[in-house]
Amino acid sequence: MKRKIGIVTVARSDYGVYLPILRKIVAHNNLELLLYVSGAHLVEKFGNTIKAIEEDGFPIAAKIPMISKGDTPFDIARSMGVGTQNFAQVFRNHAPDILVVLGDRYEMHAAAVAAIPYRIPIAHIHGGELTYGALDDYFRHSLTKFSHLHFASSEIYANRIKQMGEEPWRVTVSGAPGLDDIMNMPRFSKSELATAYGVNLSKPTLLVTFHPVTMEYEYTKKYIINLLNALAHFSEYHVVFTYPNEDAGSAIIIEKIESYARNHPNAYIVKNFGHKGYISMMGHAAAMVGNSSSGIVEAASLKLPVVNIGTREEGRVRSANVIDVGYSAERIKAGIEKAISQSFQSSLQNLVNSYGDGKSSERIVAVLAEVKLEGLIPKRFHDILRTSPSPV
């Protein structure tokens, strides 16, 4: 009997990271994929990205709605409750042998909470990382403690997982699976991107992805206005915006970038590039601007300069392509000027990505296929400072 591997995907961003893992699970003789689709995938406002999954041909085990219409803290909390209830119903009928969650999203947290009473072993990808500017750390570290297997993107993060009391045998330094496709994936040309997404790339282009800073939710409007004021100085560049995550504050970001695009003929908005489209856009951009983790993790493999704004990604390991700036329009403008300079771009020619060698999915799927399920559920706290046996 094949081992059933459940994968929870809640947005375009995690689906792109999962892709090489999904392909290897489907191709494996002893594994069966149970794909649970939830979150923003099912929301029209965010591009109804479930269509990309269907077009890729992966079988969908269940669609789990959970997103409320609003984006206030109350709406997010309510979505978590609805998600936990709906995932619990699904697991009642379609329980996997191992459930895989990724990163730090509240939607992933809801799925994991629902799995615990069923004693489903949980595997967590991208644990041990830090993002001081977001509530994500609460969800990420909770997922670490919920989980029975850990796939860390670097040795630093693996050590941090162990510091949290996780037994070393449960922790694998896999690297970041999002890197696996980047160098080998056939990308869209500029003309193909223009045709598919309605963007004009005839001039150098700034790719802009700015998410709400959930620890500083009340300043969202100020932050996005400062960013747009900085971008207004670069009329000789095309500016391509993507939509933000479905977090508290996303509505004001969408409102402001849509207003900006209406009044600036060099600006375009793409709700959903899809994985191939987004990586292709990164490959053709002169620089990336915003606070997306893709600028921290994936962009280095493309030698793409990144202007990382504010505190959302504070705490993550960085490669030399990342220019950290504050929230003021002046600092953002200065960061963009540095990123597009010939001297800075030339300095990245021999850049090595800090997040792995592009073989992460092989390591992850090997563990999922070979680990013994017996003994996964009971966890012991691994005390690094322990000098004598703990009482049983």
Protein backbone atom coordinates (compact mmCIF):
# COMPACT_ATOMS: atom_id res chain seq x y z
CA MET A 1 0.00 0.00 0.00
CA LYS A 2 1.30 3.43 -0.93
CA ARG A 3 2.13 5.94 1.81
CA LYS A 4 -0.26 8.91 1.62
CA ILE A 5 1.49 12.28 1.76
CA GLY A 6 -0.85 15.20 2.43
CA ILE A 7 0.32 18.61 1.21
CA VAL A 8 -1.38 21.82 2.36
CA THR A 9 -1.18 24.70 -0.12
CA VAL A 10 -2.85 28.03 0.64
CA ALA A 11 -1.40 30.54 -1.85
CA ARG A 12 0.58 31.01 -5.04
CA SER A 13 3.73 31.64 -3.02
CA ASP A 14 3.82 28.27 -1.26
CA TYR A 15 2.56 26.35 -4.30
CA GLY A 16 5.60 27.47 -6.29
CA VAL A 17 7.89 26.27 -3.50
CA TYR A 18 6.10 22.92 -3.35
CA LEU A 19 6.18 22.21 -7.11
CA PRO A 20 9.37 20.10 -7.30
CA ILE A 21 8.21 18.16 -4.24
CA LEU A 22 4.79 17.51 -5.78
CA ARG A 23 6.33 16.19 -8.98
CA LYS A 24 8.61 13.81 -7.10
CA ILE A 25 5.78 12.50 -4.92
CA VAL A 26 3.61 11.81 -7.97
CA ALA A 27 6.52 10.04 -9.70
CA HIS A 28 7.41 7.93 -6.64
CA ASN A 29 6.32 4.29 -6.77
CA ASN A 30 5.54 4.10 -3.06
CA LEU A 31 3.88 7.47 -2.43
CA GLU A 32 0.40 8.86 -3.08
CA LEU A 33 -0.26 12.61 -3.15
CA LEU A 34 -3.21 14.07 -1.24
CA LEU A 35 -3.28 17.77 -2.16
CA TYR A 36 -5.34 19.98 0.15
CA VAL A 37 -6.09 23.36 -1.47
CA SER A 38 -7.19 26.24 0.75
CA GLY A 39 -6.69 29.91 1.59
CA ALA A 40 -6.18 32.48 -1.14
CA HIS A 41 -6.22 29.79 -3.86
CA LEU A 42 -10.01 29.80 -3.57
CA VAL A 43 -10.51 33.58 -3.51
CA GLU A 44 -11.29 35.40 -6.75
CA LYS A 45 -9.75 38.66 -5.48
CA PHE A 46 -6.34 36.98 -5.35
CA GLY A 47 -6.54 35.51 -8.83
CA ASN A 48 -8.38 32.23 -8.13
CA THR A 49 -5.01 30.48 -8.31
CA ILE A 50 -6.49 27.01 -7.95
CA LYS A 51 -6.76 27.15 -11.74
CA ALA A 52 -2.96 26.91 -12.00
CA ILE A 53 -3.00 23.75 -9.88
CA GLU A 54 -5.71 22.23 -12.06
CA GLU A 55 -3.81 23.17 -15.22
CA ASP A 56 -0.67 21.50 -13.84
CA GLY A 57 -2.67 18.29 -13.55
CA PHE A 58 -2.17 17.52 -9.87
CA PRO A 59 -5.12 15.65 -8.31
CA ILE A 60 -6.86 17.72 -5.63
CA ALA A 61 -7.96 15.67 -2.63
CA ALA A 62 -10.04 18.47 -1.10
CA LYS A 63 -10.80 22.18 -1.36
CA ILE A 64 -10.99 23.77 2.08
CA PRO A 65 -12.48 27.31 2.17
CA MET A 66 -11.50 29.49 5.11
CA ILE A 67 -10.85 33.12 4.07
CA SER A 68 -13.27 35.77 5.36
CA LYS A 69 -14.18 38.72 3.15
CA GLY A 70 -12.46 41.33 5.32
CA ASP A 71 -8.81 41.80 6.27
CA THR A 72 -9.08 43.05 9.85
CA PRO A 73 -7.48 41.18 12.77
CA PHE A 74 -10.96 39.86 13.63
CA ASP A 75 -11.40 38.55 10.08
CA ILE A 76 -8.03 36.77 10.21
CA ALA A 77 -8.83 35.18 13.57
CA ARG A 78 -12.23 34.08 12.32
CA SER A 79 -10.66 32.59 9.19
CA MET A 80 -8.33 30.54 11.37
CA GLY A 81 -11.28 29.12 13.30
CA VAL A 82 -13.22 28.30 10.15
CA GLY A 83 -10.13 26.73 8.60
CA THR A 84 -9.47 24.52 11.61
CA GLN A 85 -13.06 23.29 11.57
CA ASN A 86 -13.05 22.61 7.82
CA PHE A 87 -9.66 20.86 7.83
CA ALA A 88 -10.86 18.69 10.73
CA GLN A 89 -13.82 17.57 8.65
CA VAL A 90 -11.54 16.71 5.72
CA PHE A 91 -9.07 14.76 7.87
CA ARG A 92 -11.99 12.81 9.29
CA ASN A 93 -12.54 11.37 5.82
CA HIS A 94 -9.13 11.72 4.09
CA ALA A 95 -6.39 11.44 6.72
CA PRO A 96 -2.86 11.22 5.27
CA ASP A 97 -0.01 9.17 6.71
CA ILE A 98 2.08 12.37 6.90
CA LEU A 99 0.82 15.95 6.57
CA VAL A 100 3.24 18.51 5.08
CA VAL A 101 2.95 22.20 5.91
CA LEU A 102 5.24 25.03 4.86
CA GLY A 103 6.43 28.28 6.35
CA ASP A 104 4.53 30.63 8.58
CA ARG A 105 1.01 31.28 7.32
CA TYR A 106 -1.98 31.30 9.66
CA GLU A 107 -3.79 29.03 7.17
CA MET A 108 -1.06 26.39 7.63
CA HIS A 109 -1.43 26.77 11.38
CA ALA A 110 -5.16 26.03 11.12
CA ALA A 111 -4.46 22.82 9.19
CA ALA A 112 -1.88 21.64 11.71
CA VAL A 113 -4.16 22.34 14.68
CA ALA A 114 -6.86 20.23 13.03
CA ALA A 115 -4.42 17.35 12.43
CA ILE A 116 -3.18 17.04 16.02
CA PRO A 117 -6.25 15.31 17.55
CA TYR A 118 -6.10 12.74 14.74
CA ARG A 119 -2.46 11.98 15.64
CA ILE A 120 -1.35 12.66 12.07
CA PRO A 121 2.45 13.10 11.86
CA ILE A 122 3.29 16.59 10.60
CA ALA A 123 6.32 17.57 8.51
CA HIS A 124 7.27 21.27 8.44
CA ILE A 125 9.33 22.98 5.72
CA HIS A 126 11.17 26.29 6.38
CA GLY A 127 11.07 26.16 10.17
CA GLY A 128 13.59 27.88 12.42
CA GLU A 129 13.56 31.12 10.43
CA LEU A 130 12.87 34.59 11.78
CA THR A 131 10.79 37.51 10.53
CA TYR A 132 10.75 40.02 13.35
CA GLY A 133 8.43 42.43 11.57
CA ALA A 134 5.56 39.98 11.17
CA LEU A 135 3.26 37.86 13.27
CA ASP A 136 4.55 35.01 11.12
CA ASP A 137 7.09 34.03 13.78
CA TYR A 138 4.27 33.02 16.12
CA PHE A 139 2.80 30.70 13.52
CA ARG A 140 6.15 29.36 12.29
CA HIS A 141 7.47 28.47 15.73
CA SER A 142 4.11 26.97 16.73
CA LEU A 143 4.25 24.80 13.61
CA THR A 144 7.72 23.66 14.64
CA LYS A 145 6.41 22.46 17.99
CA PHE A 146 3.39 20.82 16.34
CA SER A 147 5.61 18.95 13.87
CA HIS A 148 7.39 15.60 13.95
CA LEU A 149 9.75 16.10 10.99
CA HIS A 150 11.59 19.29 10.08
CA PHE A 151 13.13 20.37 6.78
CA ALA A 152 15.34 23.42 7.37
CA SER A 153 16.68 25.62 4.59
CA SER A 154 20.06 26.15 6.26
CA GLU A 155 22.24 24.85 9.08
CA ILE A 156 21.54 28.02 11.08
CA TYR A 157 17.81 27.35 10.99
CA ALA A 158 18.27 23.65 11.76
CA ASN A 159 20.20 24.57 14.90
CA ARG A 160 17.45 26.95 15.93
CA ILE A 161 14.86 24.16 15.59
CA LYS A 162 17.00 22.02 17.90
CA GLN A 163 17.24 24.94 20.33
CA MET A 164 13.45 24.76 20.52
CA GLY A 165 13.76 21.26 21.94
CA GLU A 166 13.28 19.21 18.79
CA GLU A 167 15.22 15.94 18.68
CA PRO A 168 18.12 16.13 16.18
CA TRP A 169 17.11 12.96 14.32
CA ARG A 170 13.89 14.68 13.29
CA VAL A 171 15.72 17.61 11.63
CA THR A 172 17.03 17.54 8.04
CA VAL A 173 18.99 20.38 6.42
CA SER A 174 17.26 20.15 3.06
CA GLY A 175 17.87 23.60 1.63
CA ALA A 176 15.03 25.70 0.20
CA PRO A 177 12.87 23.70 -2.25
CA GLY A 178 11.93 26.91 -4.05
CA LEU A 179 15.42 26.96 -5.56
CA ASP A 180 15.11 23.56 -7.22
CA ASP A 181 13.24 24.79 -10.30
CA ILE A 182 14.78 28.21 -10.73
CA MET A 183 17.90 27.43 -12.74
CA ASN A 184 16.37 24.62 -14.82
CA MET A 185 12.90 25.98 -15.45
CA PRO A 186 12.22 27.22 -19.00
CA ARG A 187 11.11 30.82 -18.57
CA PHE A 188 8.79 33.08 -20.49
CA SER A 189 10.40 35.66 -22.75
CA LYS A 190 9.56 39.34 -22.31
CA SER A 191 7.15 39.18 -25.23
CA GLU A 192 5.46 36.08 -23.79
CA LEU A 193 5.04 37.82 -20.43
CA ALA A 194 3.61 40.87 -22.19
CA THR A 195 1.08 38.76 -24.07
CA ALA A 196 0.08 36.59 -21.11
CA TYR A 197 -0.12 39.26 -18.41
CA GLY A 198 -0.57 42.57 -20.23
CA VAL A 199 2.67 44.12 -18.99
CA ASN A 200 5.03 46.30 -21.02
CA LEU A 201 8.66 45.29 -20.52
CA SER A 202 10.20 47.38 -23.30
CA LYS A 203 12.06 49.42 -20.66
CA PRO A 204 14.00 48.21 -17.60
CA THR A 205 11.48 47.02 -15.03
CA LEU A 206 11.10 47.15 -11.26
CA LEU A 207 9.18 44.20 -9.81
CA VAL A 208 7.32 45.32 -6.68
CA THR A 209 5.81 43.00 -4.07
CA PHE A 210 4.86 44.64 -0.78
CA HIS A 211 2.99 42.72 1.93
CA PRO A 212 1.38 44.04 5.12
CA VAL A 213 3.78 44.22 8.06
CA THR A 214 1.52 42.49 10.54
CA MET A 215 3.46 43.56 13.65
CA GLU A 216 3.03 47.17 12.48
CA TYR A 217 -0.46 46.83 10.99
CA GLU A 218 -1.55 50.37 11.91
CA TYR A 219 1.21 51.90 9.73
CA THR A 220 0.30 50.03 6.53
CA LYS A 221 -1.13 53.09 4.76
CA LYS A 222 1.92 55.20 5.59
CA TYR A 223 4.32 52.51 4.42
CA ILE A 224 2.68 51.92 1.05
CA ILE A 225 2.38 55.66 0.36
CA ASN A 226 6.10 56.10 1.07
CA LEU A 227 6.93 53.26 -1.32
CA LEU A 228 4.77 54.72 -4.09
CA ASN A 229 6.30 58.18 -3.60
CA ALA A 230 9.75 56.65 -4.03
CA LEU A 231 8.72 54.74 -7.17
CA ALA A 232 7.39 57.94 -8.73
CA HIS A 233 11.00 59.10 -9.17
CA PHE A 234 11.69 56.27 -11.65
CA SER A 235 9.48 57.21 -14.58
CA GLU A 236 12.09 55.85 -17.00
CA TYR A 237 11.39 52.36 -15.62
CA HIS A 238 8.32 50.20 -15.95
CA VAL A 239 6.90 49.15 -12.58
CA VAL A 240 5.10 45.81 -12.20
CA PHE A 241 3.15 45.25 -8.96
CA THR A 242 1.92 41.93 -7.64
CA TYR A 243 -0.88 41.58 -5.10
CA PRO A 244 -0.02 41.31 -1.39
CA ASN A 245 -0.72 38.37 0.90
CA GLU A 246 -4.17 38.02 2.44
CA ASP A 247 -3.14 39.56 5.77
CA ALA A 248 -4.56 42.35 7.88
CA GLY A 249 -3.85 45.52 5.88
CA SER A 250 -3.90 43.99 2.40
CA ALA A 251 -6.97 45.97 1.29
CA ILE A 252 -5.29 49.36 1.72
CA ILE A 253 -2.22 48.16 -0.20
CA ILE A 254 -4.39 46.97 -3.09
CA GLU A 255 -6.34 50.23 -3.08
CA LYS A 256 -3.18 52.35 -3.21
CA ILE A 257 -1.34 50.38 -5.91
CA GLU A 258 -4.46 50.34 -8.09
CA SER A 259 -4.78 54.11 -7.72
CA TYR A 260 -1.08 54.51 -8.54
CA ALA A 261 -1.39 52.36 -11.67
CA ARG A 262 -4.36 54.38 -12.91
CA ASN A 263 -2.31 57.58 -12.68
CA HIS A 264 1.08 56.29 -13.89
CA PRO A 265 1.17 54.84 -17.41
CA ASN A 266 4.45 53.05 -16.66
CA ALA A 267 2.83 50.94 -13.90
CA TYR A 268 1.09 47.57 -14.19
CA ILE A 269 -0.59 45.21 -11.73
CA VAL A 270 -0.66 41.42 -12.01
CA LYS A 271 -2.82 39.67 -9.42
CA ASN A 272 -1.28 36.29 -10.07
CA PHE A 273 1.73 35.50 -12.23
CA GLY A 274 1.74 31.82 -11.34
CA HIS A 275 5.03 30.18 -10.44
CA LYS A 276 6.61 30.14 -13.89
CA GLY A 277 5.42 33.65 -14.65
CA TYR A 278 6.74 35.05 -11.37
CA ILE A 279 10.16 33.43 -11.72
CA SER A 280 10.29 34.62 -15.34
CA MET A 281 9.42 38.16 -14.24
CA MET A 282 12.17 38.04 -11.61
CA GLY A 283 14.60 36.91 -14.30
CA HIS A 284 13.78 39.89 -16.53
CA ALA A 285 13.55 42.57 -13.82
CA ALA A 286 16.27 45.14 -13.26
CA ALA A 287 15.56 44.99 -9.52
CA MET A 288 12.99 43.77 -7.04
CA VAL A 289 11.47 46.14 -4.47
CA GLY A 290 9.33 45.35 -1.42
CA ASN A 291 9.35 42.94 1.49
CA SER A 292 8.69 39.50 0.02
CA SER A 293 10.54 36.40 1.19
CA SER A 294 11.14 35.58 -2.49
CA GLY A 295 13.54 38.51 -2.53
CA ILE A 296 15.45 36.99 0.36
CA VAL A 297 15.38 33.31 -0.65
CA GLU A 298 14.99 32.89 -4.41
CA ALA A 299 16.28 36.14 -5.93
CA ALA A 300 19.94 35.39 -5.23
CA SER A 301 19.82 32.40 -7.58
CA LEU A 302 18.89 34.83 -10.37
CA LYS A 303 21.49 37.41 -9.24
CA LEU A 304 18.62 39.86 -8.94
CA PRO A 305 19.20 43.02 -6.85
CA VAL A 306 16.61 43.35 -4.10
CA VAL A 307 15.60 46.45 -2.15
CA ASN A 308 14.16 44.96 1.04
CA ILE A 309 11.97 47.47 2.87
CA GLY A 310 11.49 47.57 6.62
CA THR A 311 11.28 44.88 9.25
CA ARG A 312 9.06 42.17 7.74
CA GLU A 313 12.02 39.99 6.69
CA GLU A 314 14.33 41.04 9.52
CA GLY A 315 16.01 37.97 10.96
CA ARG A 316 16.40 35.93 7.76
CA VAL A 317 19.82 35.00 6.36
CA ARG A 318 20.67 37.29 3.44
CA SER A 319 22.83 37.01 0.35
CA ALA A 320 24.80 39.97 -0.98
CA ASN A 321 22.08 40.95 -3.48
CA VAL A 322 19.84 42.30 -0.70
CA ILE A 323 19.88 46.02 0.15
CA ASP A 324 18.03 46.68 3.41
CA VAL A 325 16.32 50.07 3.73
CA GLY A 326 13.91 51.76 6.12
CA TYR A 327 10.36 52.84 5.38
CA SER A 328 10.95 56.46 4.35
CA ALA A 329 10.54 57.41 0.70
CA GLU A 330 14.06 58.88 0.69
CA ARG A 331 15.69 55.65 1.88
CA ILE A 332 13.66 53.51 -0.51
CA LYS A 333 14.63 55.79 -3.40
CA ALA A 334 18.31 55.60 -2.43
CA GLY A 335 18.08 51.81 -2.21
CA ILE A 336 16.59 51.56 -5.71
CA GLU A 337 19.28 53.85 -7.10
CA LYS A 338 21.94 51.58 -5.63
CA ALA A 339 20.22 48.41 -6.87
CA ILE A 340 20.01 49.59 -10.48
CA SER A 341 23.56 50.94 -10.55
CA GLN A 342 25.99 49.18 -12.85
CA SER A 343 28.55 48.79 -10.08
CA PHE A 344 26.15 46.95 -7.76
CA GLN A 345 24.79 44.70 -10.49
CA SER A 346 28.33 43.82 -11.59
CA SER A 347 29.21 42.87 -8.01
CA LEU A 348 26.65 40.04 -8.12
CA GLN A 349 28.20 38.07 -10.99
CA ASN A 350 29.67 35.38 -8.71
CA LEU A 351 26.90 35.43 -6.12
CA VAL A 352 26.13 32.13 -4.35
CA ASN A 353 22.69 31.61 -2.80
CA SER A 354 22.79 30.98 0.96
CA TYR A 355 19.73 28.72 0.82
CA GLY A 356 21.00 25.61 -0.87
CA ASP A 357 22.10 23.74 -3.97
CA GLY A 358 18.82 23.06 -5.76
CA LYS A 359 18.43 19.47 -4.51
CA SER A 360 16.09 20.13 -1.60
CA SER A 361 13.08 18.25 -2.96
CA GLU A 362 15.13 15.07 -3.38
CA ARG A 363 16.11 15.15 0.29
CA ILE A 364 12.59 15.94 1.47
CA VAL A 365 10.84 13.23 -0.55
CA ALA A 366 13.45 10.65 0.45
CA VAL A 367 12.69 11.25 4.13
CA LEU A 368 8.91 11.26 3.56
CA ALA A 369 9.18 7.91 1.77
CA GLU A 370 11.63 6.16 4.08
CA VAL A 371 11.03 7.39 7.64
CA LYS A 372 9.38 4.87 9.94
CA LEU A 373 5.94 6.08 10.95
CA GLU A 374 6.04 4.14 14.19
CA GLY A 375 7.51 6.30 16.91
CA LEU A 376 6.98 9.64 15.12
CA ILE A 377 4.10 10.85 17.26
CA PRO A 378 5.57 10.61 20.79
CA LYS A 379 8.02 13.50 21.08
CA ARG A 380 10.64 14.09 23.73
CA PHE A 381 12.06 17.50 24.50
CA HIS A 382 15.74 17.58 23.53
CA ASP A 383 17.39 19.69 26.23
CA ILE A 384 20.70 21.00 24.89
CA LEU A 385 21.93 21.95 28.37
CA ARG A 386 20.90 18.69 30.04
CA THR A 387 23.68 17.13 32.12
CA SER A 388 21.69 14.29 33.67
CA PRO A 389 18.84 12.10 32.44
CA SER A 390 15.44 13.74 32.51
CA PRO A 391 12.83 12.09 34.71
CA VAL A 392 10.51 9.84 32.75
